Amino acid sequence: MAFSLQAAYAAPLILLAQTRQAERDKVHTDADAQHREDLAKANEQRLALAAQHSEQMLDLLQQNTKLTELSQQLSQRIEVLTREIHSKMLQDS
C-alpha cells in the first residue's frame, strides 16, 4: 500500500516533468527551425548579391573593352593625321 501511495504521487509528477520536457524540446526545435530558415534566407541574399556583383563586373568589363577599342582607334587616327601633317609640311618646305 505504501508503494501504491508513492506511485499515486510520483505518476503525476513524472507526467508533469515529461510534459515540461516536451514543451522545452518543442521550443528548441522551433528555434532551430527558425535559425535554419534565417540562415537559408541570408544565404539566398548573399547569392543574389554575388550574382548582381558578377553582372556589374561583366558590364564594367564590356565598357572597358569598348573604351580600349575606341582609344586604339583614336590613337591610330592621330597617327595617320600626324603623318599627313608631317608630309604636307615637308612638301611646303
PDB file of N, CA and C in Angstrom:
ATOM      1  N   MET A   1       0.824  -1.182   0.000  1.00  0.00           N
ATOM      2  CA  MET A   1       0.000   0.000   0.000  1.00  0.00           C
ATOM      3  C   MET A   1       0.880   1.262   0.000  1.00  0.00           C
ATOM      4  N   ALA A   2       2.008   1.200   0.649  1.00  0.00           N
ATOM      5  CA  ALA A   2       2.934   2.327   0.669  1.00  0.00           C
ATOM      6  C   ALA A   2       3.430   2.614  -0.743  1.00  0.00           C
ATOM      7  N   PHE A   3       3.709   1.519  -1.479  1.00  0.00           N
ATOM      8  CA  PHE A   3       4.152   1.701  -2.859  1.00  0.00           C
ATOM      9  C   PHE A   3       3.046   2.312  -3.716  1.00  0.00           C
ATOM     10  N   SER A   4       1.811   1.937  -3.479  1.00  0.00           N
ATOM     11  CA  SER A   4       0.685   2.490  -4.227  1.00  0.00           C
ATOM     12  C   SER A   4       0.533   3.974  -3.936  1.00  0.00           C
ATOM     13  N   LEU A   5       0.729   4.346  -2.679  1.00  0.00           N
ATOM     14  CA  LEU A   5       0.630   5.752  -2.298  1.00  0.00           C
ATOM     15  C   LEU A   5       1.761   6.544  -2.961  1.00  0.00           C
ATOM     16  N   GLN A   6       2.965   5.957  -2.954  1.00  0.00           N
ATOM     17  CA  GLN A   6       4.113   6.625  -3.585  1.00  0.00           C
ATOM     18  C   GLN A   6       3.875   6.745  -5.098  1.00  0.00           C
ATOM     19  N   ALA A   7       3.342   5.702  -5.701  1.00  0.00           N
ATOM     20  CA  ALA A   7       3.062   5.712  -7.130  1.00  0.00           C
ATOM     21  C   ALA A   7       1.995   6.753  -7.461  1.00  0.00           C
ATOM     22  N   ALA A   8       1.034   6.922  -6.576  1.00  0.00           N
ATOM     23  CA  ALA A   8      -0.030   7.898  -6.799  1.00  0.00           C
ATOM     24  C   ALA A   8       0.533   9.323  -6.819  1.00  0.00           C
ATOM     25  N   TYR A   9       1.552   9.577  -6.011  1.00  0.00           N
ATOM     26  CA  TYR A   9       2.189  10.893  -6.005  1.00  0.00           C
ATOM     27  C   TYR A   9       3.202  11.022  -7.131  1.00  0.00           C
ATOM     28  N   ALA A  10       3.942   9.970  -7.413  1.00  0.00           N
ATOM     29  CA  ALA A  10       5.021  10.023  -8.391  1.00  0.00           C
ATOM     30  C   ALA A  10       4.507  10.122  -9.827  1.00  0.00           C
ATOM     31  N   ALA A  11       3.456   9.417 -10.149  1.00  0.00           N
ATOM     32  CA  ALA A  11       2.967   9.372 -11.527  1.00  0.00           C
ATOM     33  C   ALA A  11       2.623  10.765 -12.065  1.00  0.00           C
ATOM     34  N   PRO A  12       1.844  11.576 -11.363  1.00  0.00           N
ATOM     35  CA  PRO A  12       1.556  12.912 -11.884  1.00  0.00           C
ATOM     36  C   PRO A  12       2.812  13.786 -12.021  1.00  0.00           C
ATOM     37  N   LEU A  13       3.740  13.632 -11.062  1.00  0.00           N
ATOM     38  CA  LEU A  13       4.977  14.417 -11.139  1.00  0.00           C
ATOM     39  C   LEU A  13       5.806  14.013 -12.359  1.00  0.00           C
ATOM     40  N   ILE A  14       5.864  12.714 -12.613  1.00  0.00           N
ATOM     41  CA  ILE A  14       6.601  12.226 -13.784  1.00  0.00           C
ATOM     42  C   ILE A  14       5.944  12.727 -15.072  1.00  0.00           C
ATOM     43  N   LEU A  15       4.610  12.643 -15.121  1.00  0.00           N
ATOM     44  CA  LEU A  15       3.901  13.121 -16.309  1.00  0.00           C
ATOM     45  C   LEU A  15       4.099  14.625 -16.516  1.00  0.00           C
ATOM     46  N   LEU A  16       4.078  15.381 -15.409  1.00  0.00           N
ATOM     47  CA  LEU A  16       4.295  16.817 -15.486  1.00  0.00           C
ATOM     48  C   LEU A  16       5.706  17.120 -15.984  1.00  0.00           C
ATOM     49  N   ALA A  17       6.689  16.402 -15.472  1.00  0.00           N
ATOM     50  CA  ALA A  17       8.071  16.593 -15.910  1.00  0.00           C
ATOM     51  C   ALA A  17       8.221  16.251 -17.395  1.00  0.00           C
ATOM     52  N   GLN A  18       7.577  15.176 -17.844  1.00  0.00           N
ATOM     53  CA  GLN A  18       7.646  14.796 -19.249  1.00  0.00           C
ATOM     54  C   GLN A  18       6.988  15.857 -20.138  1.00  0.00           C
ATOM     55  N   THR A  19       5.873  16.402 -19.657  1.00  0.00           N
ATOM     56  CA  THR A  19       5.180  17.444 -20.420  1.00  0.00           C
ATOM     57  C   THR A  19       6.056  18.688 -20.547  1.00  0.00           C
ATOM     58  N   ARG A  20       6.676  19.060 -19.438  1.00  0.00           N
ATOM     59  CA  ARG A  20       7.554  20.233 -19.463  1.00  0.00           C
ATOM     60  C   ARG A  20       8.750  19.999 -20.382  1.00  0.00           C
ATOM     61  N   GLN A  21       9.308  18.802 -20.325  1.00  0.00           N
ATOM     62  CA  GLN A  21      10.443  18.482 -21.199  1.00  0.00           C
ATOM     63  C   GLN A  21      10.018  18.512 -22.667  1.00  0.00           C
ATOM     64  N   ALA A  22       8.826  18.002 -22.932  1.00  0.00           N
ATOM     65  CA  ALA A  22       8.314  18.025 -24.309  1.00  0.00           C
ATOM     66  C   ALA A  22       8.130  19.464 -24.793  1.00  0.00           C
ATOM     67  N   GLU A  23       7.642  20.335 -23.884  1.00  0.00           N
ATOM     68  CA  GLU A  23       7.478  21.746 -24.244  1.00  0.00           C
ATOM     69  C   GLU A  23       8.831  22.395 -24.517  1.00  0.00           C
ATOM     70  N   ARG A  24       9.824  22.101 -23.681  1.00  0.00           N
ATOM     71  CA  ARG A  24      11.173  22.644 -23.892  1.00  0.00           C
ATOM     72  C   ARG A  24      11.748  22.135 -25.205  1.00  0.00           C
ATOM     73  N   ASP A  25      11.559  20.856 -25.479  1.00  0.00           N
ATOM     74  CA  ASP A  25      12.042  20.286 -26.740  1.00  0.00           C
ATOM     75  C   ASP A  25      11.381  20.963 -27.940  1.00  0.00           C
ATOM     76  N   LYS A  26      10.085  21.221 -27.821  1.00  0.00           N
ATOM     77  CA  LYS A  26       9.364  21.882 -28.918  1.00  0.00           C
ATOM     78  C   LYS A  26       9.883  23.295 -29.138  1.00  0.00           C
ATOM     79  N   VAL A  27      10.122  24.020 -28.050  1.00  0.00           N
ATOM     80  CA  VAL A  27      10.657  25.378 -28.159  1.00  0.00           C
ATOM     81  C   VAL A  27      12.026  25.350 -28.829  1.00  0.00           C
ATOM     82  N   HIS A  28      12.889  24.406 -28.422  1.00  0.00           N
ATOM     83  CA  HIS A  28      14.221  24.280 -29.033  1.00  0.00           C
ATOM     84  C   HIS A  28      14.114  23.898 -30.508  1.00  0.00           C
ATOM     85  N   THR A  29      13.209  23.006 -30.820  1.00  0.00           N
ATOM     86  CA  THR A  29      13.022  22.582 -32.213  1.00  0.00           C
ATOM     87  C   THR A  29      12.538  23.750 -33.067  1.00  0.00           C
ATOM     88  N   ASP A  30      11.582  24.510 -32.523  1.00  0.00           N
ATOM     89  CA  ASP A  30      11.090  25.682 -33.248  1.00  0.00           C
ATOM     90  C   ASP A  30      12.197  26.716 -33.442  1.00  0.00           C
ATOM     91  N   ALA A  31      12.992  26.944 -32.404  1.00  0.00           N
ATOM     92  CA  ALA A  31      14.094  27.910 -32.502  1.00  0.00           C
ATOM     93  C   ALA A  31      15.123  27.431 -33.527  1.00  0.00           C
ATOM     94  N   ASP A  32      15.433  26.148 -33.539  1.00  0.00           N
ATOM     95  CA  ASP A  32      16.373  25.599 -34.529  1.00  0.00           C
ATOM     96  C   ASP A  32      15.826  25.758 -35.941  1.00  0.00           C
ATOM     97  N   ALA A  33      14.547  25.480 -36.122  1.00  0.00           N
ATOM     98  CA  ALA A  33      13.929  25.618 -37.445  1.00  0.00           C
ATOM     99  C   ALA A  33      13.964  27.085 -37.904  1.00  0.00           C
ATOM    100  N   GLN A  34      13.668  27.996 -37.001  1.00  0.00           N
ATOM    101  CA  GLN A  34      13.703  29.420 -37.333  1.00  0.00           C
ATOM    102  C   GLN A  34      15.124  29.845 -37.689  1.00  0.00           C
ATOM    103  N   HIS A  35      16.095  29.340 -36.929  1.00  0.00           N
ATOM    104  CA  HIS A  35      17.505  29.674 -37.189  1.00  0.00           C
ATOM    105  C   HIS A  35      17.919  29.161 -38.569  1.00  0.00           C
ATOM    106  N   ARG A  36      17.528  27.930 -38.884  1.00  0.00           N
ATOM    107  CA  ARG A  36      17.860  27.375 -40.205  1.00  0.00           C
ATOM    108  C   ARG A  36      17.194  28.180 -41.314  1.00  0.00           C
ATOM    109  N   GLU A  37      15.961  28.603 -41.084  1.00  0.00           N
ATOM    110  CA  GLU A  37      15.247  29.413 -42.073  1.00  0.00           C
ATOM    111  C   GLU A  37      15.942  30.761 -42.269  1.00  0.00           C
ATOM    112  N   ASP A  38      16.361  31.384 -41.169  1.00  0.00           N
ATOM    113  CA  ASP A  38      17.084  32.658 -41.246  1.00  0.00           C
ATOM    114  C   ASP A  38      18.402  32.487 -41.999  1.00  0.00           C
ATOM    115  N   LEU A  39      19.106  31.391 -41.729  1.00  0.00           N
ATOM    116  CA  LEU A  39      20.362  31.125 -42.438  1.00  0.00           C
ATOM    117  C   LEU A  39      20.112  30.925 -43.930  1.00  0.00           C
ATOM    118  N   ALA A  40      19.052  30.234 -44.270  1.00  0.00           N
ATOM    119  CA  ALA A  40      18.726  29.998 -45.684  1.00  0.00           C
ATOM    120  C   ALA A  40      18.410  31.323 -46.381  1.00  0.00           C
ATOM    121  N   LYS A  41      17.651  32.191 -45.714  1.00  0.00           N
ATOM    122  CA  LYS A  41      17.330  33.498 -46.296  1.00  0.00           C
ATOM    123  C   LYS A  41      18.600  34.333 -46.484  1.00  0.00           C
ATOM    124  N   ALA A  42      19.450  34.331 -45.476  1.00  0.00           N
ATOM    125  CA  ALA A  42      20.702  35.093 -45.563  1.00  0.00           C
ATOM    126  C   ALA A  42      21.563  34.557 -46.699  1.00  0.00           C
ATOM    127  N   ASN A  43      21.595  33.243 -46.863  1.00  0.00           N
ATOM    128  CA  ASN A  43      22.378  32.634 -47.939  1.00  0.00           C
ATOM    129  C   ASN A  43      21.810  33.028 -49.303  1.00  0.00           C
ATOM    130  N   GLU A  44      20.485  33.031 -49.435  1.00  0.00           N
ATOM    131  CA  GLU A  44      19.848  33.451 -50.690  1.00  0.00           C
ATOM    132  C   GLU A  44      20.188  34.900 -50.999  1.00  0.00           C
ATOM    133  N   GLN A  45      20.177  35.748 -49.977  1.00  0.00           N
ATOM    134  CA  GLN A  45      20.509  37.162 -50.182  1.00  0.00           C
ATOM    135  C   GLN A  45      21.965  37.315 -50.623  1.00  0.00           C
ATOM    136  N   ARG A  46      22.862  36.539 -49.992  1.00  0.00           N
ATOM    137  CA  ARG A  46      24.277  36.592 -50.384  1.00  0.00           C
ATOM    138  C   ARG A  46      24.466  36.123 -51.824  1.00  0.00           C
ATOM    139  N   LEU A  47      23.764  35.064 -52.204  1.00  0.00           N
ATOM    140  CA  LEU A  47      23.866  34.562 -53.575  1.00  0.00           C
ATOM    141  C   LEU A  47      23.326  35.579 -54.580  1.00  0.00           C
ATOM    142  N   ALA A  48      22.214  36.219 -54.244  1.00  0.00           N
ATOM    143  CA  ALA A  48      21.642  37.236 -55.124  1.00  0.00           C
ATOM    144  C   ALA A  48      22.589  38.419 -55.267  1.00  0.00           C
ATOM    145  N   LEU A  49      23.196  38.827 -54.159  1.00  0.00           N
ATOM    146  CA  LEU A  49      24.143  39.935 -54.188  1.00  0.00           C
ATOM    147  C   LEU A  49      25.380  39.567 -55.002  1.00  0.00           C
ATOM    148  N   ALA A  50      25.863  38.344 -54.842  1.00  0.00           N
ATOM    149  CA  ALA A  50      27.018  37.889 -55.617  1.00  0.00           C
ATOM    150  C   ALA A  50      26.692  37.864 -57.107  1.00  0.00           C
ATOM    151  N   ALA A  51      25.494  37.423 -57.459  1.00  0.00           N
ATOM    152  CA  ALA A  51      25.081  37.408 -58.864  1.00  0.00           C
ATOM    153  C   ALA A  51      25.003  38.832 -59.412  1.00  0.00           C
ATOM    154  N   GLN A  52      24.478  39.736 -58.608  1.00  0.00           N
ATOM    155  CA  GLN A  52      24.379  41.140 -59.015  1.00  0.00           C
ATOM    156  C   GLN A  52      25.771  41.728 -59.230  1.00  0.00           C
ATOM    157  N   HIS A  53      26.694  41.445 -58.315  1.00  0.00           N
ATOM    158  CA  HIS A  53      28.060  41.955 -58.453  1.00  0.00           C
ATOM    159  C   HIS A  53      28.738  41.368 -59.684  1.00  0.00           C
ATOM    160  N   SER A  54      28.498  40.099 -59.951  1.00  0.00           N
ATOM    161  CA  SER A  54      29.079  39.470 -61.141  1.00  0.00           C
ATOM    162  C   SER A  54      28.544  40.136 -62.406  1.00  0.00           C
ATOM    163  N   GLU A  55      27.270  40.424 -62.400  1.00  0.00           N
ATOM    164  CA  GLU A  55      26.652  41.091 -63.548  1.00  0.00           C
ATOM    165  C   GLU A  55      27.245  42.486 -63.741  1.00  0.00           C
ATOM    166  N   GLN A  56      27.434  43.204 -62.650  1.00  0.00           N
ATOM    167  CA  GLN A  56      28.031  44.544 -62.731  1.00  0.00           C
ATOM    168  C   GLN A  56      29.470  44.467 -63.234  1.00  0.00           C
ATOM    169  N   MET A  57      30.215  43.479 -62.753  1.00  0.00           N
ATOM    170  CA  MET A  57      31.601  43.310 -63.203  1.00  0.00           C
ATOM    171  C   MET A  57      31.652  43.025 -64.698  1.00  0.00           C
ATOM    172  N   LEU A  58      30.769  42.176 -65.185  1.00  0.00           N
ATOM    173  CA  LEU A  58      30.719  41.861 -66.614  1.00  0.00           C
ATOM    174  C   LEU A  58      30.405  43.118 -67.416  1.00  0.00           C
ATOM    175  N   ASP A  59      29.459  43.908 -66.941  1.00  0.00           N
ATOM    176  CA  ASP A  59      29.103  45.154 -67.610  1.00  0.00           C
ATOM    177  C   ASP A  59      30.298  46.108 -67.645  1.00  0.00           C
ATOM    178  N   LEU A  60      30.985  46.231 -66.521  1.00  0.00           N
ATOM    179  CA  LEU A  60      32.164  47.117 -66.467  1.00  0.00           C
ATOM    180  C   LEU A  60      33.273  46.630 -67.399  1.00  0.00           C
ATOM    181  N   LEU A  61      33.465  45.328 -67.465  1.00  0.00           N
ATOM    182  CA  LEU A  61      34.483  44.784 -68.373  1.00  0.00           C
ATOM    183  C   LEU A  61      34.121  45.062 -69.833  1.00  0.00           C
ATOM    184  N   GLN A  62      32.852  44.955 -70.163  1.00  0.00           N
ATOM    185  CA  GLN A  62      32.421  45.254 -71.528  1.00  0.00           C
ATOM    186  C   GLN A  62      32.637  46.735 -71.851  1.00  0.00           C
ATOM    187  N   GLN A  63      32.316  47.603 -70.908  1.00  0.00           N
ATOM    188  CA  GLN A  63      32.539  49.035 -71.110  1.00  0.00           C
ATOM    189  C   GLN A  63      34.024  49.330 -71.274  1.00  0.00           C
ATOM    190  N   ASN A  64      34.841  48.669 -70.460  1.00  0.00           N
ATOM    191  CA  ASN A  64      36.289  48.856 -70.544  1.00  0.00           C
ATOM    192  C   ASN A  64      36.808  48.412 -71.905  1.00  0.00           C
ATOM    193  N   THR A  65      36.293  47.306 -72.410  1.00  0.00           N
ATOM    194  CA  THR A  65      36.713  46.811 -73.722  1.00  0.00           C
ATOM    195  C   THR A  65      36.350  47.811 -74.812  1.00  0.00           C
ATOM    196  N   LYS A  66      35.138  48.355 -74.753  1.00  0.00           N
ATOM    197  CA  LYS A  66      34.719  49.355 -75.736  1.00  0.00           C
ATOM    198  C   LYS A  66      35.596  50.598 -75.674  1.00  0.00           C
ATOM    199  N   LEU A  67      35.897  51.055 -74.459  1.00  0.00           N
ATOM    200  CA  LEU A  67      36.744  52.246 -74.314  1.00  0.00           C
ATOM    201  C   LEU A  67      38.158  51.983 -74.822  1.00  0.00           C
ATOM    202  N   THR A  68      38.670  50.798 -74.578  1.00  0.00           N
ATOM    203  CA  THR A  68      40.004  50.442 -75.061  1.00  0.00           C
ATOM    204  C   THR A  68      40.030  50.425 -76.587  1.00  0.00           C
ATOM    205  N   GLU A  69      38.997  49.859 -77.193  1.00  0.00           N
ATOM    206  CA  GLU A  69      38.918  49.833 -78.656  1.00  0.00           C
ATOM    207  C   GLU A  69      38.826  51.244 -79.219  1.00  0.00           C
ATOM    208  N   LEU A  70      38.018  52.095 -78.598  1.00  0.00           N
ATOM    209  CA  LEU A  70      37.878  53.475 -79.036  1.00  0.00           C
ATOM    210  C   LEU A  70      39.206  54.215 -78.906  1.00  0.00           C
ATOM    211  N   SER A  71      39.886  54.014 -77.805  1.00  0.00           N
ATOM    212  CA  SER A  71      41.189  54.642 -77.588  1.00  0.00           C
ATOM    213  C   SER A  71      42.183  54.203 -78.653  1.00  0.00           C
ATOM    214  N   GLN A  72      42.168  52.938 -79.003  1.00  0.00           N
ATOM    215  CA  GLN A  72      43.067  52.431 -80.039  1.00  0.00           C
ATOM    216  C   GLN A  72      42.734  53.065 -81.391  1.00  0.00           C
ATOM    217  N   GLN A  73      41.464  53.167 -81.725  1.00  0.00           N
ATOM    218  CA  GLN A  73      41.049  53.784 -82.989  1.00  0.00           C
ATOM    219  C   GLN A  73      41.481  55.252 -83.050  1.00  0.00           C
ATOM    220  N   LEU A  74      41.286  55.962 -81.933  1.00  0.00           N
ATOM    221  CA  LEU A  74      41.679  57.367 -81.899  1.00  0.00           C
ATOM    222  C   LEU A  74      43.194  57.526 -82.024  1.00  0.00           C
ATOM    223  N   SER A  75      43.929  56.643 -81.373  1.00  0.00           N
ATOM    224  CA  SER A  75      45.393  56.689 -81.470  1.00  0.00           C
ATOM    225  C   SER A  75      45.841  56.457 -82.905  1.00  0.00           C
ATOM    226  N   GLN A  76      45.215  55.515 -83.578  1.00  0.00           N
ATOM    227  CA  GLN A  76      45.552  55.244 -84.974  1.00  0.00           C
ATOM    228  C   GLN A  76      45.216  56.448 -85.859  1.00  0.00           C
ATOM    229  N   ARG A  77      44.069  57.059 -85.589  1.00  0.00           N
ATOM    230  CA  ARG A  77      43.671  58.231 -86.373  1.00  0.00           C
ATOM    231  C   ARG A  77      44.643  59.384 -86.149  1.00  0.00           C
ATOM    232  N   ILE A  78      45.063  59.582 -84.913  1.00  0.00           N
ATOM    233  CA  ILE A  78      46.038  60.630 -84.603  1.00  0.00           C
ATOM    234  C   ILE A  78      47.343  60.368 -85.337  1.00  0.00           C
ATOM    235  N   GLU A  79      47.752  59.114 -85.358  1.00  0.00           N
ATOM    236  CA  GLU A  79      48.989  58.766 -86.057  1.00  0.00           C
ATOM    237  C   GLU A  79      48.873  59.076 -87.548  1.00  0.00           C
ATOM    238  N   VAL A  80      47.745  58.722 -88.154  1.00  0.00           N
ATOM    239  CA  VAL A  80      47.534  58.997 -89.578  1.00  0.00           C
ATOM    240  C   VAL A  80      47.559  60.501 -89.831  1.00  0.00           C
ATOM    241  N   LEU A  81      46.853  61.258 -89.014  1.00  0.00           N
ATOM    242  CA  LEU A  81      46.814  62.710 -89.191  1.00  0.00           C
ATOM    243  C   LEU A  81      48.190  63.336 -88.979  1.00  0.00           C
ATOM    244  N   THR A  82      48.914  62.846 -88.019  1.00  0.00           N
ATOM    245  CA  THR A  82      50.265  63.349 -87.765  1.00  0.00           C
ATOM    246  C   THR A  82      51.152  63.110 -88.975  1.00  0.00           C
ATOM    247  N   ARG A  83      51.063  61.957 -89.576  1.00  0.00           N
ATOM    248  CA  ARG A  83      51.860  61.650 -90.774  1.00  0.00           C
ATOM    249  C   ARG A  83      51.452  62.567 -91.939  1.00  0.00           C
ATOM    250  N   GLU A  84      50.155  62.790 -92.080  1.00  0.00           N
ATOM    251  CA  GLU A  84      49.683  63.664 -93.151  1.00  0.00           C
ATOM    252  C   GLU A  84      50.200  65.091 -92.961  1.00  0.00           C
ATOM    253  N   ILE A  85      50.114  65.575 -91.732  1.00  0.00           N
ATOM    254  CA  ILE A  85      50.604  66.930 -91.439  1.00  0.00           C
ATOM    255  C   ILE A  85      52.105  67.003 -91.703  1.00  0.00           C
ATOM    256  N   HIS A  86      52.822  66.019 -91.237  1.00  0.00           N
ATOM    257  CA  HIS A  86      54.273  65.988 -91.423  1.00  0.00           C
ATOM    258  C   HIS A  86      54.621  65.975 -92.927  1.00  0.00           C
ATOM    259  N   SER A  87      53.900  65.178 -93.648  1.00  0.00           N
ATOM    260  CA  SER A  87      54.122  65.073 -95.085  1.00  0.00           C
ATOM    261  C   SER A  87      53.832  66.411 -95.774  1.00  0.00           C
ATOM    262  N   LYS A  88      52.756  67.095 -95.434  1.00  0.00           N
ATOM    263  CA  LYS A  88      52.413  68.391 -96.032  1.00  0.00           C
ATOM    264  C   LYS A  88      53.441  69.444 -95.655  1.00  0.00           C
ATOM    265  N   MET A  89      53.918  69.390 -94.442  1.00  0.00           N
ATOM    266  CA  MET A  89      54.932  70.364 -94.021  1.00  0.00           C
ATOM    267  C   MET A  89      56.220  70.166 -94.802  1.00  0.00           C
ATOM    268  N   LEU A  90      56.567  68.932 -95.084  1.00  0.00           N
ATOM    269  CA  LEU A  90      57.770  68.674 -95.864  1.00  0.00           C
ATOM    270  C   LEU A  90      57.598  69.129 -97.316  1.00  0.00           C
ATOM    271  N   GLN A  91      56.392  69.012 -97.832  1.00  0.00           N
ATOM    272  CA  GLN A  91      56.119  69.440 -99.205  1.00  0.00           C
ATOM    273  C   GLN A  91      56.191  70.959 -99.329  1.00  0.00           C
ATOM    274  N   ASP A  92      55.720  71.658 -98.283  1.00  0.00           N
ATOM    275  CA  ASP A  92      55.705  73.122 -98.299  1.00  0.00           C
ATOM    276  C   ASP A  92      57.107  73.699 -98.148  1.00  0.00           C
ATOM    277  N   SER A  93      57.987  72.940 -97.573  1.00  0.00           N
ATOM    278  CA  SER A  93      59.324  73.459 -97.326  1.00  0.00           C
ATOM    279  C   SER A  93      60.175  73.476 -98.520  1.00  0.00           C
TER     280      SER A  93
END
